[in-house]
C-alpha atoms as a PDB file:
ATOM      1  CA  MET A   1       9.626  15.392  -6.708  1.00  0.00           C
ATOM      2  CA  ASP A   2       9.950  12.517  -9.189  1.00  0.00           C
ATOM      3  CA  TYR A   3      11.857  10.524  -6.563  1.00  0.00           C
ATOM      4  CA  LEU A   4       8.665  10.323  -4.522  1.00  0.00           C
ATOM      5  CA  HIS A   5       6.932   8.137  -7.114  1.00  0.00           C
ATOM      6  CA  PHE A   6       6.628   4.449  -6.340  1.00  0.00           C
ATOM      7  CA  PHE A   7       8.400   1.941  -8.568  1.00  0.00           C
ATOM      8  CA  SER A   8       5.019   0.255  -9.018  1.00  0.00           C
ATOM      9  CA  PRO A   9       1.621   1.517  -7.820  1.00  0.00           C
ATOM     10  CA  VAL A  10      -0.254   0.129  -4.840  1.00  0.00           C
ATOM     11  CA  ARG A  11      -3.695  -1.016  -5.992  1.00  0.00           C
ATOM     12  CA  ILE A  12      -6.472  -0.342  -3.498  1.00  0.00           C
ATOM     13  CA  SER A  13      -9.812  -2.121  -3.787  1.00  0.00           C
ATOM     14  CA  ARG A  14     -12.714  -0.880  -1.681  1.00  0.00           C
ATOM     15  CA  GLY A  15     -14.813  -3.908  -2.562  1.00  0.00           C
ATOM     16  CA  GLN A  16     -16.945  -5.360  -5.286  1.00  0.00           C
ATOM     17  CA  GLY A  17     -18.654  -2.730  -7.390  1.00  0.00           C
ATOM     18  CA  TYR A  18     -15.966  -0.114  -6.752  1.00  0.00           C
ATOM     19  CA  PRO A  19     -13.158   0.532  -9.215  1.00  0.00           C
ATOM     20  CA  ALA A  20      -9.628  -0.231  -8.049  1.00  0.00           C
ATOM     21  CA  GLU A  21      -7.592   2.850  -7.205  1.00  0.00           C
ATOM     22  CA  GLU A  22      -3.871   3.119  -7.888  1.00  0.00           C
ATOM     23  CA  ILE A  23      -1.673   4.993  -5.448  1.00  0.00           C
ATOM     24  CA  ASP A  24       1.598   5.702  -7.217  1.00  0.00           C
ATOM     25  CA  SER A  25       3.408   8.228  -5.057  1.00  0.00           C
ATOM     26  CA  VAL A  26       4.154   9.160  -1.478  1.00  0.00           C
ATOM     27  CA  ALA A  27       2.010  12.293  -1.866  1.00  0.00           C
ATOM     28  CA  GLU A  28      -1.015  10.235  -3.004  1.00  0.00           C
ATOM     29  CA  ALA A  29      -0.508   7.807  -0.122  1.00  0.00           C
ATOM     30  CA  MET A  30      -0.480  10.743   2.317  1.00  0.00           C
ATOM     31  CA  VAL A  31      -3.753  12.086   0.890  1.00  0.00           C
ATOM     32  CA  PHE A  32      -5.308   8.633   1.238  1.00  0.00           C
ATOM     33  CA  LEU A  33      -4.074   8.245   4.823  1.00  0.00           C
ATOM     34  CA  ARG A  34      -5.260  11.690   5.885  1.00  0.00           C
ATOM     35  CA  LYS A  35      -8.775  10.814   4.711  1.00  0.00           C
ATOM     36  CA  TRP A  36      -8.762   7.568   6.728  1.00  0.00           C
ATOM     37  CA  PRO A  37     -11.434   7.568   9.501  1.00  0.00           C
ATOM     38  CA  THR A  38     -10.072   8.765  12.830  1.00  0.00           C
ATOM     39  CA  GLY A  39     -11.608   5.871  14.739  1.00  0.00           C
ATOM     40  CA  ARG A  40      -9.758   3.321  12.602  1.00  0.00           C
ATOM     41  CA  ARG A  41      -6.273   4.817  12.995  1.00  0.00           C
ATOM     42  CA  GLY A  42      -4.187   2.223  14.779  1.00  0.00           C
ATOM     43  CA  PRO A  43      -0.465   1.429  14.967  1.00  0.00           C
ATOM     44  CA  VAL A  44      -0.214   0.155  11.382  1.00  0.00           C
ATOM     45  CA  TYR A  45      -1.861   3.357  10.132  1.00  0.00           C
ATOM     46  CA  GLN A  46       0.540   5.437  12.246  1.00  0.00           C
ATOM     47  CA  CYS A  47       3.532   3.517  10.887  1.00  0.00           C
ATOM     48  CA  ALA A  48       2.439   4.117   7.278  1.00  0.00           C
ATOM     49  CA  LEU A  49       1.806   7.805   8.001  1.00  0.00           C
ATOM     50  CA  ASN A  50       5.193   8.198   9.716  1.00  0.00           C
ATOM     51  CA  CYS A  51       7.009   6.486   6.849  1.00  0.00           C
ATOM     52  CA  CYS A  52       5.296   8.642   4.231  1.00  0.00           C
ATOM     53  CA  SER A  53       6.118  11.768   6.246  1.00  0.00           C
ATOM     54  CA  ALA A  54       9.742  10.635   6.510  1.00  0.00           C
ATOM     55  CA  ALA A  55       9.898  10.077   2.743  1.00  0.00           C
ATOM     56  CA  LEU A  56       8.464  13.534   2.082  1.00  0.00           C
ATOM     57  CA  SER A  57      11.176  15.067   4.267  1.00  0.00           C
ATOM     58  CA  GLY A  58      13.938  13.021   2.610  1.00  0.00           C
ATOM     59  CA  GLN A  59      14.635  10.774   5.603  1.00  0.00           C
ATOM     60  CA  MET A  60      13.361   7.610   3.918  1.00  0.00           C
ATOM     61  CA  SER A  61      13.070   6.356   0.352  1.00  0.00           C
ATOM     62  CA  ALA A  62       9.790   6.310  -1.522  1.00  0.00           C
ATOM     63  CA  GLU A  63      10.045   2.512  -1.779  1.00  0.00           C
ATOM     64  CA  GLU A  64      10.354   2.122   1.985  1.00  0.00           C
ATOM     65  CA  ALA A  65       7.262   4.291   2.377  1.00  0.00           C
ATOM     66  CA  ARG A  66       5.537   2.176  -0.288  1.00  0.00           C
ATOM     67  CA  LYS A  67       6.247  -0.970   1.724  1.00  0.00           C
ATOM     68  CA  ALA A  68       4.706   0.580   4.839  1.00  0.00           C
ATOM     69  CA  PHE A  69       1.667   1.796   2.879  1.00  0.00           C
ATOM     70  CA  THR A  70       1.270  -1.634   1.256  1.00  0.00           C
ATOM     71  CA  GLY A  71       1.358  -3.231   4.711  1.00  0.00           C
ATOM     72  CA  PHE A  72      -1.349  -0.842   5.871  1.00  0.00           C
ATOM     73  CA  ALA A  73      -3.469  -1.691   2.812  1.00  0.00           C
ATOM     74  CA  ARG A  74      -2.971  -5.428   3.396  1.00  0.00           C
ATOM     75  CA  ILE A  75      -3.867  -5.257   7.111  1.00  0.00           C
ATOM     76  CA  THR A  76      -6.991  -3.188   6.408  1.00  0.00           C
ATOM     77  CA  ARG A  77      -7.972  -5.584   3.598  1.00  0.00           C
ATOM     78  CA  LEU A  78      -7.856  -2.839   0.997  1.00  0.00           C
ATOM     79  CA  LEU A  79      -4.972  -4.290  -0.987  1.00  0.00           C
ATOM     80  CA  ASP A  80      -6.209  -5.474  -4.357  1.00  0.00           C
ATOM     81  CA  ASP A  81      -6.114  -9.288  -4.592  1.00  0.00           C
ATOM     82  CA  ASP A  82      -3.771  -9.159  -7.582  1.00  0.00           C
ATOM     83  CA  MET A  83      -1.145  -7.383  -5.489  1.00  0.00           C
ATOM     84  CA  ALA A  84      -1.356  -9.872  -2.641  1.00  0.00           C
ATOM     85  CA  LEU A  85       0.215 -12.607  -4.787  1.00  0.00           C
ATOM     86  CA  PRO A  86       4.010 -12.933  -4.751  1.00  0.00           C
ATOM     87  CA  LEU A  87       5.800 -12.407  -8.043  1.00  0.00           C
ATOM     88  CA  GLY A  88       7.319 -15.565  -9.548  1.00  0.00           C
ATOM     89  CA  GLY A  89       9.033 -18.430  -7.786  1.00  0.00           C
ATOM     90  CA  GLU A  90       7.601 -21.461  -6.092  1.00  0.00           C
ATOM     91  CA  GLY A  91       5.665 -19.326  -3.602  1.00  0.00           C
ATOM     92  CA  GLU A  92       3.348 -18.298  -6.429  1.00  0.00           C
ATOM     93  CA  ALA A  93       2.626 -21.920  -7.269  1.00  0.00           C
ATOM     94  CA  LYS A  94       1.741 -22.638  -3.637  1.00  0.00           C
ATOM     95  CA  VAL A  95      -0.607 -19.671  -3.431  1.00  0.00           C
ATOM     96  CA  TYR A  96      -2.225 -20.648  -6.730  1.00  0.00           C
ATOM     97  CA  ALA A  97      -2.695 -24.210  -5.503  1.00  0.00           C
ATOM     98  CA  LEU A  98      -4.326 -22.989  -2.305  1.00  0.00           C
ATOM     99  CA  ARG A  99      -6.754 -20.747  -4.200  1.00  0.00           C
ATOM    100  CA  ARG A 100      -7.978 -23.544  -6.493  1.00  0.00           C
END
């Protein structure tokens, strides 16, 4: 099941005062999604759940599932701020300039 680990973990932040949580596999993402409140399960949630299920059954790569889970975390504002920044390139400079 090593192929179900993410290349890099998805850092979840529930807010100030809570420690960041790292989700580093499809299985951990599924556990997180299954605990998500029923009333807050929209299309982005369903997409992430479907992608993780597909990865578990071998129909999708773990990295594709990671992208869907990261999108869910970003939309729900759970994605840790450090992960929201692009890696390298001029885009990083623009984001840094906007944050200053």
